[in-house]
């Protein structure tokens, strides 16, 4: 599997996950505009490893609160 690193703005990203797997990408969302696809596996956000839906949610929320860009692998 290829690794994709995305610079993400601190606003709603538009994905739903089950564990690390992306199960939905919202139409017109930042994720869709960046080319994120259903079925991709998220392993890292902003330098923090993620292994569950809760980890993904927490990491995305932390990025939004910090008002900064962050990377998703």
N, C-alpha and C. Protein backbone atom coordinates (compact mmCIF):
# COMPACT_ATOMS: atom_id res chain seq x y z
N UNK A 1 0.84 -1.18 0.00
CA UNK A 1 0.00 0.00 0.00
C UNK A 1 0.88 1.24 0.00
N UNK A 2 0.57 2.18 -0.87
CA UNK A 2 1.32 3.42 -0.93
C UNK A 2 0.94 4.34 0.22
N UNK A 3 1.89 5.13 0.66
CA UNK A 3 1.64 6.09 1.73
C UNK A 3 1.35 7.45 1.09
N UNK A 4 0.31 8.11 1.56
CA UNK A 4 -0.05 9.42 1.06
C UNK A 4 -0.03 10.38 2.24
N UNK A 5 0.66 11.49 2.10
CA UNK A 5 0.70 12.50 3.15
C UNK A 5 -0.07 13.71 2.64
N UNK A 6 -1.04 14.18 3.43
CA UNK A 6 -1.87 15.31 3.05
C UNK A 6 -1.69 16.45 4.03
N UNK A 7 -1.55 17.66 3.54
CA UNK A 7 -1.60 18.84 4.41
C UNK A 7 -3.06 19.21 4.56
N UNK A 8 -3.54 19.22 5.78
CA UNK A 8 -4.96 19.41 6.05
C UNK A 8 -5.16 20.72 6.81
N UNK A 9 -6.11 21.52 6.34
CA UNK A 9 -6.45 22.76 7.02
C UNK A 9 -7.21 22.46 8.30
N UNK A 10 -7.12 23.33 9.30
CA UNK A 10 -7.83 23.11 10.57
C UNK A 10 -9.31 23.46 10.47
N UNK A 11 -10.05 22.64 9.76
CA UNK A 11 -11.50 22.78 9.63
C UNK A 11 -12.07 21.38 9.45
N UNK A 12 -13.38 21.22 9.47
CA UNK A 12 -13.92 19.85 9.32
C UNK A 12 -13.33 19.16 8.09
N UNK A 13 -12.90 17.92 8.30
CA UNK A 13 -12.22 17.19 7.23
C UNK A 13 -13.18 16.40 6.35
N UNK A 14 -14.25 15.85 6.94
CA UNK A 14 -15.27 15.19 6.13
C UNK A 14 -15.10 13.70 5.93
N UNK A 15 -14.55 13.00 6.94
CA UNK A 15 -14.45 11.55 6.84
C UNK A 15 -15.13 10.91 8.04
N UNK A 16 -15.53 9.65 7.84
CA UNK A 16 -15.97 8.80 8.94
C UNK A 16 -15.09 7.57 8.89
N UNK A 17 -14.74 7.07 10.07
CA UNK A 17 -13.84 5.91 10.15
C UNK A 17 -14.45 4.81 11.01
N UNK A 18 -14.01 3.61 10.71
CA UNK A 18 -14.25 2.45 11.58
C UNK A 18 -12.88 1.90 11.85
N UNK A 19 -12.40 2.08 13.09
CA UNK A 19 -11.00 1.76 13.37
C UNK A 19 -10.15 2.73 12.60
N UNK A 20 -9.20 2.23 11.84
CA UNK A 20 -8.34 3.09 11.03
C UNK A 20 -8.87 3.25 9.61
N UNK A 21 -9.86 2.47 9.22
CA UNK A 21 -10.35 2.49 7.84
C UNK A 21 -11.38 3.60 7.62
N UNK A 22 -11.19 4.35 6.54
CA UNK A 22 -12.14 5.39 6.17
C UNK A 22 -13.35 4.71 5.54
N UNK A 23 -14.52 4.93 6.14
CA UNK A 23 -15.75 4.29 5.66
C UNK A 23 -16.64 5.24 4.87
N UNK A 24 -16.39 6.56 4.96
CA UNK A 24 -17.17 7.52 4.21
C UNK A 24 -16.38 8.80 4.02
N UNK A 25 -16.48 9.37 2.83
CA UNK A 25 -15.89 10.67 2.53
C UNK A 25 -17.05 11.56 2.09
N UNK A 26 -17.31 12.63 2.83
CA UNK A 26 -18.44 13.50 2.54
C UNK A 26 -18.24 14.26 1.22
N UNK A 27 -19.31 14.33 0.44
CA UNK A 27 -19.28 15.06 -0.83
C UNK A 27 -18.98 16.53 -0.58
N UNK A 28 -18.06 17.09 -1.35
CA UNK A 28 -17.70 18.49 -1.24
C UNK A 28 -16.79 18.83 -0.07
N UNK A 29 -16.39 17.81 0.69
CA UNK A 29 -15.55 18.04 1.88
C UNK A 29 -14.09 18.28 1.49
N UNK A 30 -13.34 18.75 2.47
CA UNK A 30 -11.90 18.93 2.30
C UNK A 30 -11.25 17.59 1.92
N UNK A 31 -11.68 16.51 2.56
CA UNK A 31 -11.12 15.19 2.26
C UNK A 31 -11.34 14.82 0.80
N UNK A 32 -12.56 15.03 0.31
CA UNK A 32 -12.86 14.70 -1.09
C UNK A 32 -12.02 15.54 -2.04
N UNK A 33 -11.88 16.83 -1.74
CA UNK A 33 -11.09 17.72 -2.59
C UNK A 33 -9.62 17.33 -2.63
N UNK A 34 -9.13 16.71 -1.54
CA UNK A 34 -7.74 16.25 -1.49
C UNK A 34 -7.57 14.85 -2.09
N UNK A 35 -8.68 14.22 -2.51
CA UNK A 35 -8.60 12.92 -3.15
C UNK A 35 -8.64 11.73 -2.22
N UNK A 36 -9.03 11.94 -0.96
CA UNK A 36 -9.14 10.83 -0.01
C UNK A 36 -10.23 9.88 -0.46
N UNK A 37 -10.01 8.59 -0.32
CA UNK A 37 -10.94 7.57 -0.79
C UNK A 37 -11.42 6.66 0.33
N UNK A 38 -12.66 6.24 0.20
CA UNK A 38 -13.23 5.23 1.10
C UNK A 38 -12.36 3.99 1.02
N UNK A 39 -12.10 3.37 2.18
CA UNK A 39 -11.28 2.16 2.22
C UNK A 39 -9.82 2.42 2.58
N UNK A 40 -9.37 3.68 2.49
CA UNK A 40 -8.01 3.99 2.90
C UNK A 40 -7.86 3.76 4.39
N UNK A 41 -6.64 3.49 4.81
CA UNK A 41 -6.32 3.25 6.22
C UNK A 41 -5.51 4.43 6.75
N UNK A 42 -5.98 5.05 7.83
CA UNK A 42 -5.27 6.16 8.47
C UNK A 42 -4.35 5.58 9.54
N UNK A 43 -3.05 5.88 9.44
CA UNK A 43 -2.10 5.34 10.41
C UNK A 43 -1.43 6.43 11.26
N UNK A 44 -1.48 7.68 10.78
CA UNK A 44 -0.84 8.76 11.52
C UNK A 44 -1.49 10.09 11.16
N UNK A 45 -1.69 10.93 12.18
CA UNK A 45 -2.21 12.28 11.97
C UNK A 45 -1.36 13.23 12.79
N UNK A 46 -0.77 14.19 12.11
CA UNK A 46 0.05 15.19 12.81
C UNK A 46 1.19 14.61 13.60
N UNK A 47 1.77 13.52 13.12
CA UNK A 47 2.89 12.90 13.80
C UNK A 47 2.50 11.94 14.91
N UNK A 48 1.19 11.78 15.15
CA UNK A 48 0.70 10.88 16.18
C UNK A 48 0.11 9.63 15.55
N UNK A 49 0.58 8.47 15.96
CA UNK A 49 0.05 7.21 15.44
C UNK A 49 -1.40 7.05 15.88
N UNK A 50 -2.24 6.53 15.00
CA UNK A 50 -3.64 6.27 15.34
C UNK A 50 -3.95 4.81 15.06
N UNK A 51 -4.79 4.21 15.92
CA UNK A 51 -5.13 2.81 15.74
C UNK A 51 -6.61 2.53 15.95
N UNK A 52 -7.38 3.59 16.18
CA UNK A 52 -8.82 3.40 16.42
C UNK A 52 -9.59 4.62 15.94
N UNK A 53 -10.90 4.46 15.85
CA UNK A 53 -11.76 5.59 15.48
C UNK A 53 -11.58 6.73 16.48
N UNK A 54 -11.51 6.41 17.77
CA UNK A 54 -11.33 7.44 18.80
C UNK A 54 -10.02 8.20 18.60
N UNK A 55 -8.95 7.49 18.23
CA UNK A 55 -7.66 8.14 17.98
C UNK A 55 -7.76 9.12 16.81
N UNK A 56 -8.43 8.69 15.73
CA UNK A 56 -8.59 9.54 14.54
C UNK A 56 -9.38 10.80 14.92
N UNK A 57 -10.49 10.62 15.61
CA UNK A 57 -11.34 11.74 16.01
C UNK A 57 -10.58 12.72 16.90
N UNK A 58 -9.86 12.18 17.88
CA UNK A 58 -9.09 13.01 18.81
C UNK A 58 -8.00 13.79 18.08
N UNK A 59 -7.28 13.14 17.19
CA UNK A 59 -6.18 13.80 16.47
C UNK A 59 -6.72 14.90 15.54
N UNK A 60 -7.82 14.63 14.84
CA UNK A 60 -8.40 15.65 13.97
C UNK A 60 -8.91 16.83 14.78
N UNK A 61 -9.54 16.57 15.92
CA UNK A 61 -10.05 17.64 16.78
C UNK A 61 -8.90 18.48 17.34
N UNK A 62 -7.81 17.85 17.72
CA UNK A 62 -6.66 18.57 18.26
C UNK A 62 -6.07 19.51 17.21
N UNK A 63 -6.03 19.07 15.98
CA UNK A 63 -5.52 19.91 14.89
C UNK A 63 -6.40 21.12 14.66
N UNK A 64 -7.71 20.93 14.73
CA UNK A 64 -8.64 22.05 14.53
C UNK A 64 -8.51 23.06 15.66
N UNK A 65 -8.37 22.60 16.89
CA UNK A 65 -8.26 23.51 18.04
C UNK A 65 -6.97 24.32 17.99
N UNK A 66 -5.91 23.71 17.45
CA UNK A 66 -4.62 24.38 17.41
C UNK A 66 -4.52 25.42 16.31
N UNK A 67 -5.48 25.46 15.40
CA UNK A 67 -5.46 26.44 14.32
C UNK A 67 -4.25 26.31 13.42
N UNK A 68 -3.88 25.06 13.10
CA UNK A 68 -2.69 24.82 12.29
C UNK A 68 -2.97 23.75 11.25
N UNK A 69 -2.07 23.64 10.28
CA UNK A 69 -2.16 22.55 9.32
C UNK A 69 -1.54 21.32 9.97
N UNK A 70 -1.99 20.13 9.58
CA UNK A 70 -1.39 18.91 10.08
C UNK A 70 -1.42 17.87 8.98
N UNK A 71 -0.64 16.83 9.13
CA UNK A 71 -0.50 15.83 8.08
C UNK A 71 -1.18 14.53 8.47
N UNK A 72 -1.75 13.89 7.48
CA UNK A 72 -2.41 12.59 7.66
C UNK A 72 -1.69 11.59 6.78
N UNK A 73 -1.38 10.44 7.34
CA UNK A 73 -0.78 9.34 6.56
C UNK A 73 -1.77 8.21 6.52
